[in-house]
Amino acid sequence: MSATPDFSYQRFDARSDARSAFDTACETTRSRLVLYDRDEGHYGLARPEVAERFEHLLRRAPDTRIELLLQQAGDLIRNCPRLIPLMLRHGERFTVRPVTGQTARFSKGLCLFDQSVVLRRPELERMTTLWDTEEDAIRQAGALLDEIAAQAGDPLSPIVTGL
């Protein structure tokens, strides 16, 4: 039985509501979180509670994966210092990969939690975020995220040399 909240579709027009939805979905995720966005800002990945939720998720099971596919992936290393120890500790289970070239022109954001919830941003330039649990929406988001991941760059190293 899923612990996902019992609503299939919600629209959020404020960033704070989108972050709350992201947090809720993180709490119920069991094995996989994949996010594609411009940067870490919309969902507030620099917030301490996100690092705590990611750590909890990664410790929950040895096959859990978190993959962040970001157009401005380098900003995460600079702006989200709490995520660096997680990247170091969990290695290939928690990756941040840059999205460049043709794929980076995709102007919608997606975040898939297991195969149960997708958060969609119809336009990266706007705050609107849609929560959807419909099977077709999840299937389409999964296929698109797989395609983006196949074209993304190598995972960023969490080790900053300072040179």
Protein backbone atom coordinates (compact mmCIF):
# COMPACT_ATOMS: atom_id res chain seq x y z
CA MET A 1 0.00 0.00 0.00
CA SER A 2 1.36 3.41 -0.97
CA ALA A 3 1.85 6.17 1.57
CA THR A 4 1.48 8.76 -1.20
CA PRO A 5 -1.17 11.37 -0.38
CA ASP A 6 -4.56 10.56 -1.87
CA PHE A 7 -4.90 13.10 -4.64
CA SER A 8 -4.11 12.45 -8.27
CA TYR A 9 -3.65 15.98 -9.59
CA GLN A 10 -2.79 19.31 -7.95
CA ARG A 11 -1.60 22.62 -9.30
CA PHE A 12 0.79 24.81 -7.33
CA ASP A 13 1.45 28.39 -8.41
CA ALA A 14 3.79 29.40 -5.59
CA ARG A 15 7.35 28.16 -5.12
CA SER A 16 6.66 27.46 -1.44
CA ASP A 17 3.80 25.13 -2.39
CA ALA A 18 5.97 23.37 -4.98
CA ARG A 19 8.67 22.85 -2.34
CA SER A 20 6.11 21.45 0.07
CA ALA A 21 4.90 19.02 -2.62
CA PHE A 22 8.53 18.03 -3.33
CA ASP A 23 9.12 17.39 0.38
CA THR A 24 5.94 15.32 0.66
CA ALA A 25 6.89 13.19 -2.35
CA CYS A 26 10.43 12.70 -0.97
CA GLU A 27 9.00 11.40 2.30
CA THR A 28 7.06 8.66 0.51
CA THR A 29 9.75 7.71 -2.03
CA ARG A 30 11.24 4.26 -1.53
CA SER A 31 13.74 3.60 -4.29
CA ARG A 32 14.24 6.23 -7.01
CA LEU A 33 14.11 9.99 -7.46
CA VAL A 34 15.03 11.55 -10.82
CA LEU A 35 14.87 15.30 -11.32
CA TYR A 36 15.39 17.39 -14.46
CA ASP A 37 15.41 21.16 -14.06
CA ARG A 38 17.42 24.25 -14.83
CA ASP A 39 19.12 24.39 -11.41
CA GLU A 40 18.63 23.63 -7.72
CA GLY A 41 16.55 26.71 -6.98
CA HIS A 42 12.92 25.85 -7.69
CA TYR A 43 12.65 22.98 -5.21
CA GLY A 44 15.16 24.52 -2.80
CA LEU A 45 17.70 21.71 -2.90
CA ALA A 46 20.02 23.79 -0.70
CA ARG A 47 17.57 23.59 2.21
CA PRO A 48 18.76 21.49 5.18
CA GLU A 49 15.59 19.40 5.16
CA VAL A 50 16.25 18.28 1.58
CA ALA A 51 19.68 16.93 2.55
CA GLU A 52 18.08 15.16 5.51
CA ARG A 53 15.36 13.62 3.32
CA PHE A 54 17.90 12.53 0.69
CA GLU A 55 20.10 10.96 3.39
CA HIS A 56 17.11 9.13 4.85
CA LEU A 57 16.08 7.90 1.40
CA LEU A 58 19.58 6.67 0.55
CA ARG A 59 19.96 4.84 3.86
CA ARG A 60 16.55 3.20 3.53
CA ALA A 61 17.69 0.59 0.99
CA PRO A 62 20.96 -0.30 -0.75
CA ASP A 63 19.44 -0.04 -4.23
CA THR A 64 17.96 3.46 -3.79
CA ARG A 65 19.02 6.01 -6.43
CA ILE A 66 18.84 9.80 -6.66
CA GLU A 67 19.74 11.39 -9.98
CA LEU A 68 19.70 15.14 -10.51
CA LEU A 69 19.87 16.19 -14.18
CA LEU A 70 20.48 19.94 -14.24
CA GLN A 71 21.14 22.46 -16.96
CA GLN A 72 23.29 24.41 -14.50
CA ALA A 73 24.64 21.44 -12.58
CA GLY A 74 27.83 23.20 -11.43
CA ASP A 75 25.74 25.61 -9.37
CA LEU A 76 24.61 22.74 -7.15
CA ILE A 77 28.19 22.07 -6.01
CA ARG A 78 28.55 25.72 -5.06
CA ASN A 79 25.07 26.40 -3.66
CA CYS A 80 24.21 23.12 -1.92
CA PRO A 81 27.12 22.26 0.40
CA ARG A 82 24.96 19.89 2.46
CA LEU A 83 24.58 17.60 -0.56
CA ILE A 84 28.35 17.19 -1.10
CA PRO A 85 28.86 14.74 1.81
CA LEU A 86 25.92 12.70 0.51
CA MET A 87 27.51 12.51 -2.93
CA LEU A 88 30.79 11.41 -1.36
CA ARG A 89 29.17 8.87 0.97
CA HIS A 90 26.77 7.31 -1.51
CA GLY A 91 28.79 7.51 -4.74
CA GLU A 92 26.94 6.22 -7.77
CA ARG A 93 23.68 6.04 -5.85
CA PHE A 94 23.48 9.86 -5.71
CA THR A 95 24.59 11.62 -8.88
CA VAL A 96 24.39 15.11 -10.31
CA ARG A 97 24.76 15.24 -14.08
CA PRO A 98 24.93 18.24 -16.40
CA VAL A 99 22.45 18.50 -19.24
CA THR A 100 23.82 20.41 -22.21
CA GLY A 101 23.37 20.76 -25.93
CA GLN A 102 20.07 19.99 -27.59
CA THR A 103 18.66 18.34 -24.45
CA ALA A 104 19.20 21.49 -22.39
CA ARG A 105 16.78 23.30 -24.67
CA PHE A 106 13.94 21.26 -23.22
CA SER A 107 12.03 23.94 -21.33
CA LYS A 108 9.96 21.84 -18.94
CA GLY A 109 10.94 20.49 -15.53
CA LEU A 110 10.22 16.97 -14.32
CA CYS A 111 10.71 15.12 -11.09
CA LEU A 112 9.75 11.46 -10.80
CA PHE A 113 9.43 9.77 -7.41
CA ASP A 114 9.51 5.98 -7.79
CA GLN A 115 6.74 5.20 -10.24
CA SER A 116 4.08 6.87 -8.12
CA VAL A 117 4.31 10.69 -8.40
CA VAL A 118 5.54 13.11 -11.04
CA LEU A 119 6.01 16.82 -10.43
CA ARG A 120 5.91 18.71 -13.72
CA ARG A 121 6.87 22.27 -14.48
CA PRO A 122 5.19 23.16 -17.79
CA GLU A 123 7.63 26.05 -18.23
CA LEU A 124 10.94 26.54 -16.44
CA GLU A 125 10.41 30.30 -16.55
CA ARG A 126 7.29 30.11 -14.36
CA MET A 127 6.56 28.91 -10.84
CA THR A 128 3.65 26.63 -11.79
CA THR A 129 4.19 23.02 -10.70
CA LEU A 130 1.78 20.14 -11.26
CA TRP A 131 1.52 17.05 -9.02
CA ASP A 132 0.28 14.04 -10.96
CA THR A 133 -0.19 10.38 -10.03
CA GLU A 134 -1.91 9.26 -13.24
CA GLU A 135 -0.21 6.24 -14.82
CA ASP A 136 0.08 7.84 -18.28
CA ALA A 137 1.72 10.99 -16.89
CA ILE A 138 4.17 8.90 -14.87
CA ARG A 139 4.98 6.66 -17.85
CA GLN A 140 5.55 9.66 -20.13
CA ALA A 141 7.72 11.42 -17.54
CA GLY A 142 9.76 8.26 -17.01
CA ALA A 143 10.40 7.85 -20.73
CA LEU A 144 11.39 11.49 -21.12
CA LEU A 145 13.69 11.39 -18.09
CA ASP A 146 15.35 8.23 -19.44
CA GLU A 147 15.96 10.04 -22.74
CA ILE A 148 17.40 13.10 -20.98
CA ALA A 149 19.59 10.91 -18.75
CA ALA A 150 20.91 9.00 -21.79
CA GLN A 151 22.18 12.29 -23.24
CA ALA A 152 23.38 13.90 -19.98
CA GLY A 153 27.04 14.35 -19.20
CA ASP A 154 29.14 12.38 -16.74
CA PRO A 155 28.35 12.80 -13.04
CA LEU A 156 29.96 15.81 -11.40
CA SER A 157 32.66 15.17 -8.88
CA PRO A 158 31.80 16.35 -5.36
CA ILE A 159 35.49 16.96 -4.71
CA VAL A 160 36.33 20.65 -5.09
CA THR A 161 40.03 21.30 -5.57
CA GLY A 162 39.98 25.06 -5.14
CA LEU A 163 42.48 25.53 -7.98
